[in-house]
Amino acid sequence: MAGAEVDLLDLIEVFAGKATVTDLAQHYGLSALQPFDLIYGQDLADPGTAEALRQTVRRFKPLLTLVAWNCTEHSLFNQNMNYSHRMDELHARRDEQRPTGCPWQ
């Protein structure tokens, strides 16, 4: 038995935070999948959750996958000011937050 027909979907937010774009989508006549973020119950550090995201994107083929990477540890401000004398600590923090790969490839 084949799956149900799916209409064209406009977007999905990943690392969505408050999911402002998802919330506003309907206002602009756009459709959105449920956002993926820890606050919505999806821990993307978990390989199973990352695979679920990959499968979701493959299945629904949204026109836009909006990924809001957490860039706090990668800001120039942190590099030039906060950690300028502790670069080894900054590099360790960056390594902790480094994505394990693009889950939807």
PDB file of N, CA and C in Angstrom:
ATOM      1  N   MET A   1       0.844  -1.181   0.000  1.00  0.00           N
ATOM      2  CA  MET A   1       0.000   0.000   0.000  1.00  0.00           C
ATOM      3  C   MET A   1       0.885   1.239   0.000  1.00  0.00           C
ATOM      4  N   ALA A   2       0.697   2.094  -0.941  1.00  0.00           N
ATOM      5  CA  ALA A   2       1.494   3.307  -1.054  1.00  0.00           C
ATOM      6  C   ALA A   2       1.032   4.349  -0.036  1.00  0.00           C
ATOM      7  N   GLY A   3       1.937   5.270   0.292  1.00  0.00           N
ATOM      8  CA  GLY A   3       1.607   6.331   1.233  1.00  0.00           C
ATOM      9  C   GLY A   3       0.626   7.312   0.623  1.00  0.00           C
ATOM     10  N   ALA A   4       0.050   8.132   1.464  1.00  0.00           N
ATOM     11  CA  ALA A   4      -0.912   9.139   1.021  1.00  0.00           C
ATOM     12  C   ALA A   4      -0.207  10.198   0.181  1.00  0.00           C
ATOM     13  N   GLU A   5      -0.952  10.801  -0.716  1.00  0.00           N
ATOM     14  CA  GLU A   5      -0.419  11.904  -1.505  1.00  0.00           C
ATOM     15  C   GLU A   5      -0.132  13.082  -0.579  1.00  0.00           C
ATOM     16  N   VAL A   6       0.972  13.756  -0.818  1.00  0.00           N
ATOM     17  CA  VAL A   6       1.357  14.892   0.011  1.00  0.00           C
ATOM     18  C   VAL A   6       1.413  16.120  -0.876  1.00  0.00           C
ATOM     19  N   ASP A   7       0.731  17.188  -0.450  1.00  0.00           N
ATOM     20  CA  ASP A   7       0.807  18.449  -1.174  1.00  0.00           C
ATOM     21  C   ASP A   7       2.198  19.038  -1.014  1.00  0.00           C
ATOM     22  N   LEU A   8       2.510  19.974  -1.870  1.00  0.00           N
ATOM     23  CA  LEU A   8       3.788  20.668  -1.810  1.00  0.00           C
ATOM     24  C   LEU A   8       3.908  21.410  -0.485  1.00  0.00           C
ATOM     25  N   LEU A   9       5.028  21.234   0.174  1.00  0.00           N
ATOM     26  CA  LEU A   9       5.285  21.920   1.439  1.00  0.00           C
ATOM     27  C   LEU A   9       6.353  22.975   1.224  1.00  0.00           C
ATOM     28  N   ASP A  10       6.180  24.093   1.894  1.00  0.00           N
ATOM     29  CA  ASP A  10       7.082  25.212   1.673  1.00  0.00           C
ATOM     30  C   ASP A  10       8.352  25.170   2.518  1.00  0.00           C
ATOM     31  N   LEU A  11       8.243  24.828   3.806  1.00  0.00           N
ATOM     32  CA  LEU A  11       9.448  24.947   4.625  1.00  0.00           C
ATOM     33  C   LEU A  11       9.436  24.060   5.851  1.00  0.00           C
ATOM     34  N   ILE A  12      10.638  23.871   6.379  1.00  0.00           N
ATOM     35  CA  ILE A  12      10.862  23.247   7.677  1.00  0.00           C
ATOM     36  C   ILE A  12      12.010  23.995   8.335  1.00  0.00           C
ATOM     37  N   GLU A  13      11.883  24.252   9.632  1.00  0.00           N
ATOM     38  CA  GLU A  13      12.943  24.911  10.399  1.00  0.00           C
ATOM     39  C   GLU A  13      13.678  23.858  11.225  1.00  0.00           C
ATOM     40  N   VAL A  14      15.004  23.953  11.205  1.00  0.00           N
ATOM     41  CA  VAL A  14      15.857  23.058  11.982  1.00  0.00           C
ATOM     42  C   VAL A  14      16.669  23.912  12.946  1.00  0.00           C
ATOM     43  N   PHE A  15      16.833  23.447  14.186  1.00  0.00           N
ATOM     44  CA  PHE A  15      17.385  24.260  15.262  1.00  0.00           C
ATOM     45  C   PHE A  15      16.554  25.540  15.328  1.00  0.00           C
ATOM     46  N   ALA A  16      15.257  25.351  15.409  1.00  0.00           N
ATOM     47  CA  ALA A  16      14.277  26.415  15.191  1.00  0.00           C
ATOM     48  C   ALA A  16      14.154  27.411  16.334  1.00  0.00           C
ATOM     49  N   GLY A  17      14.518  27.028  17.521  1.00  0.00           N
ATOM     50  CA  GLY A  17      14.285  27.929  18.654  1.00  0.00           C
ATOM     51  C   GLY A  17      12.796  28.189  18.798  1.00  0.00           C
ATOM     52  N   LYS A  18      12.391  29.427  18.803  1.00  0.00           N
ATOM     53  CA  LYS A  18      10.975  29.780  18.948  1.00  0.00           C
ATOM     54  C   LYS A  18      10.166  29.500  17.683  1.00  0.00           C
ATOM     55  N   ALA A  19      10.818  29.126  16.605  1.00  0.00           N
ATOM     56  CA  ALA A  19      10.158  28.781  15.337  1.00  0.00           C
ATOM     57  C   ALA A  19       9.312  29.930  14.799  1.00  0.00           C
ATOM     58  N   THR A  20       9.874  31.103  14.797  1.00  0.00           N
ATOM     59  CA  THR A  20       9.170  32.283  14.323  1.00  0.00           C
ATOM     60  C   THR A  20       8.748  32.140  12.863  1.00  0.00           C
ATOM     61  N   VAL A  21       9.627  31.622  12.031  1.00  0.00           N
ATOM     62  CA  VAL A  21       9.308  31.458  10.603  1.00  0.00           C
ATOM     63  C   VAL A  21       8.145  30.485  10.436  1.00  0.00           C
ATOM     64  N   THR A  22       8.164  29.379  11.160  1.00  0.00           N
ATOM     65  CA  THR A  22       7.067  28.415  11.103  1.00  0.00           C
ATOM     66  C   THR A  22       5.761  29.061  11.555  1.00  0.00           C
ATOM     67  N   ASP A  23       5.822  29.831  12.632  1.00  0.00           N
ATOM     68  CA  ASP A  23       4.621  30.506  13.132  1.00  0.00           C
ATOM     69  C   ASP A  23       4.058  31.502  12.122  1.00  0.00           C
ATOM     70  N   LEU A  24       4.931  32.180  11.405  1.00  0.00           N
ATOM     71  CA  LEU A  24       4.487  33.195  10.445  1.00  0.00           C
ATOM     72  C   LEU A  24       4.084  32.615   9.088  1.00  0.00           C
ATOM     73  N   ALA A  25       4.452  31.384   8.809  1.00  0.00           N
ATOM     74  CA  ALA A  25       4.222  30.801   7.482  1.00  0.00           C
ATOM     75  C   ALA A  25       2.763  30.899   7.050  1.00  0.00           C
ATOM     76  N   GLN A  26       1.845  30.488   7.891  1.00  0.00           N
ATOM     77  CA  GLN A  26       0.422  30.493   7.525  1.00  0.00           C
ATOM     78  C   GLN A  26      -0.067  31.902   7.204  1.00  0.00           C
ATOM     79  N   HIS A  27       0.454  32.891   7.912  1.00  0.00           N
ATOM     80  CA  HIS A  27       0.075  34.285   7.680  1.00  0.00           C
ATOM     81  C   HIS A  27       0.397  34.722   6.242  1.00  0.00           C
ATOM     82  N   TYR A  28       1.436  34.116   5.666  1.00  0.00           N
ATOM     83  CA  TYR A  28       1.858  34.458   4.310  1.00  0.00           C
ATOM     84  C   TYR A  28       1.420  33.422   3.278  1.00  0.00           C
ATOM     85  N   GLY A  29       0.506  32.541   3.662  1.00  0.00           N
ATOM     86  CA  GLY A  29       0.004  31.536   2.737  1.00  0.00           C
ATOM     87  C   GLY A  29       0.973  30.404   2.473  1.00  0.00           C
ATOM     88  N   LEU A  30       1.900  30.182   3.377  1.00  0.00           N
ATOM     89  CA  LEU A  30       2.896  29.123   3.218  1.00  0.00           C
ATOM     90  C   LEU A  30       2.571  27.956   4.149  1.00  0.00           C
ATOM     91  N   SER A  31       3.031  26.790   3.772  1.00  0.00           N
ATOM     92  CA  SER A  31       2.860  25.619   4.627  1.00  0.00           C
ATOM     93  C   SER A  31       4.202  25.274   5.264  1.00  0.00           C
ATOM     94  N   ALA A  32       4.148  24.755   6.479  1.00  0.00           N
ATOM     95  CA  ALA A  32       5.370  24.427   7.203  1.00  0.00           C
ATOM     96  C   ALA A  32       5.191  23.118   7.954  1.00  0.00           C
ATOM     97  N   LEU A  33       6.252  22.332   7.962  1.00  0.00           N
ATOM     98  CA  LEU A  33       6.294  21.132   8.788  1.00  0.00           C
ATOM     99  C   LEU A  33       6.595  21.528  10.224  1.00  0.00           C
ATOM    100  N   GLN A  34       6.376  20.597  11.149  1.00  0.00           N
ATOM    101  CA  GLN A  34       6.731  20.865  12.541  1.00  0.00           C
ATOM    102  C   GLN A  34       8.217  21.161  12.605  1.00  0.00           C
ATOM    103  N   PRO A  35       8.609  22.201  13.341  1.00  0.00           N
ATOM    104  CA  PRO A  35      10.034  22.517  13.463  1.00  0.00           C
ATOM    105  C   PRO A  35      10.771  21.436  14.251  1.00  0.00           C
ATOM    106  N   PHE A  36      12.056  21.305  13.964  1.00  0.00           N
ATOM    107  CA  PHE A  36      12.929  20.388  14.690  1.00  0.00           C
ATOM    108  C   PHE A  36      13.814  21.200  15.615  1.00  0.00           C
ATOM    109  N   ASP A  37      13.699  20.953  16.915  1.00  0.00           N
ATOM    110  CA  ASP A  37      14.530  21.623  17.907  1.00  0.00           C
ATOM    111  C   ASP A  37      14.358  20.888  19.227  1.00  0.00           C
ATOM    112  N   LEU A  38      15.329  21.009  20.070  1.00  0.00           N
ATOM    113  CA  LEU A  38      15.276  20.364  21.375  1.00  0.00           C
ATOM    114  C   LEU A  38      14.043  20.798  22.161  1.00  0.00           C
ATOM    115  N   ILE A  39      13.640  22.074  22.033  1.00  0.00           N
ATOM    116  CA  ILE A  39      12.479  22.536  22.803  1.00  0.00           C
ATOM    117  C   ILE A  39      11.167  21.931  22.315  1.00  0.00           C
ATOM    118  N   TYR A  40      11.187  21.312  21.124  1.00  0.00           N
ATOM    119  CA  TYR A  40      10.000  20.613  20.613  1.00  0.00           C
ATOM    120  C   TYR A  40      10.146  19.100  20.743  1.00  0.00           C
ATOM    121  N   GLY A  41      11.187  18.666  21.448  1.00  0.00           N
ATOM    122  CA  GLY A  41      11.351  17.253  21.733  1.00  0.00           C
ATOM    123  C   GLY A  41      12.289  16.502  20.805  1.00  0.00           C
ATOM    124  N   GLN A  42      12.971  17.201  19.900  1.00  0.00           N
ATOM    125  CA  GLN A  42      13.893  16.517  19.002  1.00  0.00           C
ATOM    126  C   GLN A  42      15.322  16.931  19.321  1.00  0.00           C
ATOM    127  N   ASP A  43      16.110  16.005  19.847  1.00  0.00           N
ATOM    128  CA  ASP A  43      17.517  16.255  20.135  1.00  0.00           C
ATOM    129  C   ASP A  43      18.330  15.818  18.927  1.00  0.00           C
ATOM    130  N   LEU A  44      18.767  16.781  18.137  1.00  0.00           N
ATOM    131  CA  LEU A  44      19.472  16.465  16.898  1.00  0.00           C
ATOM    132  C   LEU A  44      20.882  15.948  17.126  1.00  0.00           C
ATOM    133  N   ALA A  45      21.354  15.923  18.365  1.00  0.00           N
ATOM    134  CA  ALA A  45      22.618  15.264  18.672  1.00  0.00           C
ATOM    135  C   ALA A  45      22.426  13.751  18.696  1.00  0.00           C
ATOM    136  N   ASP A  46      21.185  13.299  18.813  1.00  0.00           N
ATOM    137  CA  ASP A  46      20.859  11.875  18.802  1.00  0.00           C
ATOM    138  C   ASP A  46      20.820  11.378  17.356  1.00  0.00           C
ATOM    139  N   PRO A  47      21.594  10.350  17.006  1.00  0.00           N
ATOM    140  CA  PRO A  47      21.622   9.859  15.624  1.00  0.00           C
ATOM    141  C   PRO A  47      20.248   9.427  15.096  1.00  0.00           C
ATOM    142  N   GLY A  48      19.415   8.873  15.942  1.00  0.00           N
ATOM    143  CA  GLY A  48      18.074   8.477  15.514  1.00  0.00           C
ATOM    144  C   GLY A  48      17.209   9.669  15.135  1.00  0.00           C
ATOM    145  N   THR A  49      17.327  10.747  15.892  1.00  0.00           N
ATOM    146  CA  THR A  49      16.583  11.967  15.583  1.00  0.00           C
ATOM    147  C   THR A  49      17.104  12.612  14.314  1.00  0.00           C
ATOM    148  N   ALA A  50      18.428  12.629  14.149  1.00  0.00           N
ATOM    149  CA  ALA A  50      19.012  13.175  12.920  1.00  0.00           C
ATOM    150  C   ALA A  50      18.538  12.369  11.703  1.00  0.00           C
ATOM    151  N   GLU A  51      18.436  11.071  11.848  1.00  0.00           N
ATOM    152  CA  GLU A  51      17.931  10.225  10.756  1.00  0.00           C
ATOM    153  C   GLU A  51      16.456  10.506  10.493  1.00  0.00           C
ATOM    154  N   ALA A  52      15.684  10.727  11.539  1.00  0.00           N
ATOM    155  CA  ALA A  52      14.265  11.066  11.365  1.00  0.00           C
ATOM    156  C   ALA A  52      14.118  12.373  10.599  1.00  0.00           C
ATOM    157  N   LEU A  53      14.975  13.348  10.895  1.00  0.00           N
ATOM    158  CA  LEU A  53      14.945  14.607  10.145  1.00  0.00           C
ATOM    159  C   LEU A  53      15.282  14.366   8.680  1.00  0.00           C
ATOM    160  N   ARG A  54      16.317  13.580   8.444  1.00  0.00           N
ATOM    161  CA  ARG A  54      16.705  13.279   7.062  1.00  0.00           C
ATOM    162  C   ARG A  54      15.557  12.624   6.307  1.00  0.00           C
ATOM    163  N   GLN A  55      14.903  11.671   6.934  1.00  0.00           N
ATOM    164  CA  GLN A  55      13.775  10.989   6.302  1.00  0.00           C
ATOM    165  C   GLN A  55      12.598  11.940   6.082  1.00  0.00           C
ATOM    166  N   THR A  56      12.365  12.837   7.017  1.00  0.00           N
ATOM    167  CA  THR A  56      11.281  13.818   6.882  1.00  0.00           C
ATOM    168  C   THR A  56      11.521  14.713   5.677  1.00  0.00           C
ATOM    169  N   VAL A  57      12.748  15.207   5.541  1.00  0.00           N
ATOM    170  CA  VAL A  57      13.072  16.085   4.411  1.00  0.00           C
ATOM    171  C   VAL A  57      12.979  15.317   3.101  1.00  0.00           C
ATOM    172  N   ARG A  58      13.453  14.072   3.083  1.00  0.00           N
ATOM    173  CA  ARG A  58      13.352  13.256   1.855  1.00  0.00           C
ATOM    174  C   ARG A  58      11.903  12.978   1.475  1.00  0.00           C
ATOM    175  N   ARG A  59      11.084  12.713   2.471  1.00  0.00           N
ATOM    176  CA  ARG A  59       9.688  12.354   2.188  1.00  0.00           C
ATOM    177  C   ARG A  59       8.868  13.557   1.724  1.00  0.00           C
ATOM    178  N   PHE A  60       8.991  14.674   2.447  1.00  0.00           N
ATOM    179  CA  PHE A  60       8.115  15.817   2.168  1.00  0.00           C
ATOM    180  C   PHE A  60       8.713  16.827   1.196  1.00  0.00           C
ATOM    181  N   LYS A  61      10.024  16.801   1.009  1.00  0.00           N
ATOM    182  CA  LYS A  61      10.707  17.677   0.050  1.00  0.00           C
ATOM    183  C   LYS A  61      10.276  19.149   0.160  1.00  0.00           C
ATOM    184  N   PRO A  62      10.449  19.742   1.337  1.00  0.00           N
ATOM    185  CA  PRO A  62      10.081  21.163   1.459  1.00  0.00           C
ATOM    186  C   PRO A  62      10.954  22.004   0.532  1.00  0.00           C
ATOM    187  N   LEU A  63      10.388  23.093   0.037  1.00  0.00           N
ATOM    188  CA  LEU A  63      11.141  23.977  -0.845  1.00  0.00           C
ATOM    189  C   LEU A  63      12.297  24.655  -0.111  1.00  0.00           C
ATOM    190  N   LEU A  64      12.134  24.888   1.196  1.00  0.00           N
ATOM    191  CA  LEU A  64      13.166  25.540   1.998  1.00  0.00           C
ATOM    192  C   LEU A  64      13.385  24.757   3.281  1.00  0.00           C
ATOM    193  N   THR A  65      14.622  24.415   3.543  1.00  0.00           N
ATOM    194  CA  THR A  65      15.008  23.871   4.836  1.00  0.00           C
ATOM    195  C   THR A  65      15.858  24.941   5.501  1.00  0.00           C
ATOM    196  N   LEU A  66      15.286  25.595   6.478  1.00  0.00           N
ATOM    197  CA  LEU A  66      15.942  26.704   7.162  1.00  0.00           C
ATOM    198  C   LEU A  66      16.662  26.158   8.385  1.00  0.00           C
ATOM    199  N   VAL A  67      17.992  26.202   8.349  1.00  0.00           N
ATOM    200  CA  VAL A  67      18.803  25.679   9.443  1.00  0.00           C
ATOM    201  C   VAL A  67      19.436  26.854  10.173  1.00  0.00           C
ATOM    202  N   ALA A  68      19.092  27.009  11.425  1.00  0.00           N
ATOM    203  CA  ALA A  68      19.627  28.106  12.235  1.00  0.00           C
ATOM    204  C   ALA A  68      20.711  27.543  13.156  1.00  0.00           C
ATOM    205  N   TRP A  69      21.897  27.338  12.590  1.00  0.00           N
ATOM    206  CA  TRP A  69      23.001  26.808  13.382  1.00  0.00           C
ATOM    207  C   TRP A  69      23.267  27.736  14.553  1.00  0.00           C
ATOM    208  N   ASN A  70      23.568  27.158  15.686  1.00  0.00           N
ATOM    209  CA  ASN A  70      23.964  27.941  16.848  1.00  0.00           C
ATOM    210  C   ASN A  70      25.380  28.445  16.598  1.00  0.00           C
ATOM    211  N   CYS A  71      25.538  29.729  16.438  1.00  0.00           N
ATOM    212  CA  CYS A  71      26.843  30.286  16.074  1.00  0.00           C
ATOM    213  C   CYS A  71      27.529  30.986  17.232  1.00  0.00           C
ATOM    214  N   THR A  72      27.010  30.860  18.431  1.00  0.00           N
ATOM    215  CA  THR A  72      27.560  31.578  19.576  1.00  0.00           C
ATOM    216  C   THR A  72      29.055  31.357  19.719  1.00  0.00           C
ATOM    217  N   GLU A  73      29.490  30.115  19.635  1.00  0.00           N
ATOM    218  CA  GLU A  73      30.900  29.805  19.831  1.00  0.00           C
ATOM    219  C   GLU A  73      31.754  30.214  18.641  1.00  0.00           C
ATOM    220  N   HIS A  74      31.129  30.556  17.515  1.00  0.00           N
ATOM    221  CA  HIS A  74      31.880  30.871  16.304  1.00  0.00           C
ATOM    222  C   HIS A  74      31.886  32.362  15.979  1.00  0.00           C
ATOM    223  N   SER A  75      31.350  33.174  16.868  1.00  0.00           N
ATOM    224  CA  SER A  75      31.307  34.607  16.591  1.00  0.00           C
ATOM    225  C   SER A  75      32.702  35.218  16.722  1.00  0.00           C
ATOM    226  N   LEU A  76      32.964  36.231  15.909  1.00  0.00           N
ATOM    227  CA  LEU A  76      34.243  36.929  15.993  1.00  0.00           C
ATOM    228  C   LEU A  76      34.400  37.645  17.329  1.00  0.00           C
ATOM    229  N   PHE A  77      33.270  38.069  17.904  1.00  0.00           N
ATOM    230  CA  PHE A  77      33.326  38.719  19.207  1.00  0.00           C
ATOM    231  C   PHE A  77      33.932  37.772  20.238  1.00  0.00           C
ATOM    232  N   ASN A  78      33.463  36.524  20.255  1.00  0.00           N
ATOM    233  CA  ASN A  78      34.025  35.555  21.192  1.00  0.00           C
ATOM    234  C   ASN A  78      35.506  35.337  20.928  1.00  0.00           C
ATOM    235  N   GLN A  79      35.873  35.245  19.661  1.00  0.00           N
ATOM    236  CA  GLN A  79      37.264  34.987  19.302  1.00  0.00           C
ATOM    237  C   GLN A  79      38.171  36.161  19.661  1.00  0.00           C
ATOM    238  N   ASN A  80      37.713  37.367  19.383  1.00  0.00           N
ATOM    239  CA  ASN A  80      38.566  38.540  19.584  1.00  0.00           C
ATOM    240  C   ASN A  80      38.500  39.141  20.979  1.00  0.00           C
ATOM    241  N   MET A  81      37.450  38.856  21.721  1.00  0.00           N
ATOM    242  CA  MET A  81      37.292  39.493  23.028  1.00  0.00           C
ATOM    243  C   MET A  81      37.243  38.458  24.165  1.00  0.00           C
ATOM    244  N   ASN A  82      36.175  37.690  24.200  1.00  0.00           N
ATOM    245  CA  ASN A  82      35.943  36.808  25.345  1.00  0.00           C
ATOM    246  C   ASN A  82      37.001  35.730  25.518  1.00  0.00           C
ATOM    247  N   TYR A  83      37.487  35.172  24.409  1.00  0.00           N
ATOM    248  CA  TYR A  83      38.425  34.051  24.491  1.00  0.00           C
ATOM    249  C   TYR A  83      39.781  34.391  23.883  1.00  0.00           C
ATOM    250  N   SER A  84      40.090  35.654  23.712  1.00  0.00           N
ATOM    251  CA  SER A  84      41.337  36.037  23.032  1.00  0.00           C
ATOM    252  C   SER A  84      42.583  35.486  23.744  1.00  0.00           C
ATOM    253  N   HIS A  85      42.498  35.262  25.027  1.00  0.00           N
ATOM    254  CA  HIS A  85      43.633  34.724  25.777  1.00  0.00           C
ATOM    255  C   HIS A  85      43.393  33.269  26.181  1.00  0.00           C
ATOM    256  N   ARG A  86      42.307  32.686  25.674  1.00  0.00           N
ATOM    257  CA  ARG A  86      41.975  31.289  26.006  1.00  0.00           C
ATOM    258  C   ARG A  86      41.508  30.567  24.739  1.00  0.00           C
ATOM    259  N   MET A  87      42.261  30.677  23.666  1.00  0.00           N
ATOM    260  CA  MET A  87      41.828  30.119  22.394  1.00  0.00           C
ATOM    261  C   MET A  87      41.653  28.600  22.450  1.00  0.00           C
ATOM    262  N   ASP A  88      42.450  27.910  23.261  1.00  0.00           N
ATOM    263  CA  ASP A  88      42.294  26.461  23.372  1.00  0.00           C
ATOM    264  C   ASP A  88      40.915  26.112  23.941  1.00  0.00           C
ATOM    265  N   GLU A  89      40.455  26.903  24.897  1.00  0.00           N
ATOM    266  CA  GLU A  89      39.116  26.681  25.463  1.00  0.00           C
ATOM    267  C   GLU A  89      38.033  26.950  24.417  1.00  0.00           C
ATOM    268  N   LEU A  90      38.199  28.020  23.643  1.00  0.00           N
ATOM    269  CA  LEU A  90      37.225  28.322  22.591  1.00  0.00           C
ATOM    270  C   LEU A  90      37.189  27.211  21.554  1.00  0.00           C
ATOM    271  N   HIS A  91      38.345  26.713  21.141  1.00  0.00           N
ATOM    272  CA  HIS A  91      38.378  25.627  20.154  1.00  0.00           C
ATOM    273  C   HIS A  91      37.709  24.368  20.695  1.00  0.00           C
ATOM    274  N   ALA A  92      37.893  24.084  21.980  1.00  0.00           N
ATOM    275  CA  ALA A  92      37.235  22.924  22.594  1.00  0.00           C
ATOM    276  C   ALA A  92      35.721  23.111  22.602  1.00  0.00           C
ATOM    277  N   ARG A  93      35.261  24.312  22.916  1.00  0.00           N
ATOM    278  CA  ARG A  93      33.816  24.585  22.915  1.00  0.00           C
ATOM    279  C   ARG A  93      33.241  24.464  21.509  1.00  0.00           C
ATOM    280  N   ARG A  94      33.997  24.954  20.515  1.00  0.00           N
ATOM    281  CA  ARG A  94      33.552  24.831  19.124  1.00  0.00           C
ATOM    282  C   ARG A  94      33.449  23.378  18.715  1.00  0.00           C
ATOM    283  N   ASP A  95      34.427  22.570  19.118  1.00  0.00           N
ATOM    284  CA  ASP A  95      34.397  21.142  18.777  1.00  0.00           C
ATOM    285  C   ASP A  95      33.185  20.443  19.384  1.00  0.00           C
ATOM    286  N   GLU A  96      32.798  20.844  20.596  1.00  0.00           N
ATOM    287  CA  GLU A  96      31.624  20.260  21.253  1.00  0.00           C
ATOM    288  C   GLU A  96      30.346  20.554  20.480  1.00  0.00           C
ATOM    289  N   GLN A  97      30.260  21.733  19.869  1.00  0.00           N
ATOM    290  CA  GLN A  97      29.044  22.131  19.159  1.00  0.00           C
ATOM    291  C   GLN A  97      29.077  21.799  17.678  1.00  0.00           C
ATOM    292  N   ARG A  98      30.196  21.305  17.190  1.00  0.00           N
ATOM    293  CA  ARG A  98      30.326  21.030  15.763  1.00  0.00           C
ATOM    294  C   ARG A  98      29.301  19.982  15.332  1.00  0.00           C
ATOM    295  N   PRO A  99      28.539  20.272  14.280  1.00  0.00           N
ATOM    296  CA  PRO A  99      27.578  19.278  13.802  1.00  0.00           C
ATOM    297  C   PRO A  99      28.305  18.028  13.314  1.00  0.00           C
ATOM    298  N   THR A 100      27.655  16.902  13.473  1.00  0.00           N
ATOM    299  CA  THR A 100      28.268  15.635  13.060  1.00  0.00           C
ATOM    300  C   THR A 100      28.102  15.400  11.566  1.00  0.00           C
ATOM    301  N   GLY A 101      27.477  16.275  10.883  1.00  0.00           N
ATOM    302  CA  GLY A 101      27.237  16.123   9.458  1.00  0.00           C
ATOM    303  C   GLY A 101      25.843  16.614   9.132  1.00  0.00           C
ATOM    304  N   CYS A 102      25.581  16.823   7.910  1.00  0.00           N
ATOM    305  CA  CYS A 102      24.272  17.294   7.470  1.00  0.00           C
ATOM    306  C   CYS A 102      23.321  16.109   7.459  1.00  0.00           C
ATOM    307  N   PRO A 103      22.339  16.052   8.367  1.00  0.00           N
ATOM    308  CA  PRO A 103      21.516  14.843   8.531  1.00  0.00           C
ATOM    309  C   PRO A 103      20.603  14.533   7.360  1.00  0.00           C
ATOM    310  N   TRP A 104      20.398  15.451   6.442  1.00  0.00           N
ATOM    311  CA  TRP A 104      19.455  15.174   5.357  1.00  0.00           C
ATOM    312  C   TRP A 104      20.145  14.864   4.041  1.00  0.00           C
ATOM    313  N   GLN A 105      21.445  14.649   4.040  1.00  0.00           N
ATOM    314  CA  GLN A 105      22.131  14.290   2.793  1.00  0.00           C
ATOM    315  C   GLN A 105      21.954  12.826   2.496  1.00  0.00           C
TER     316      GLN A 105
END
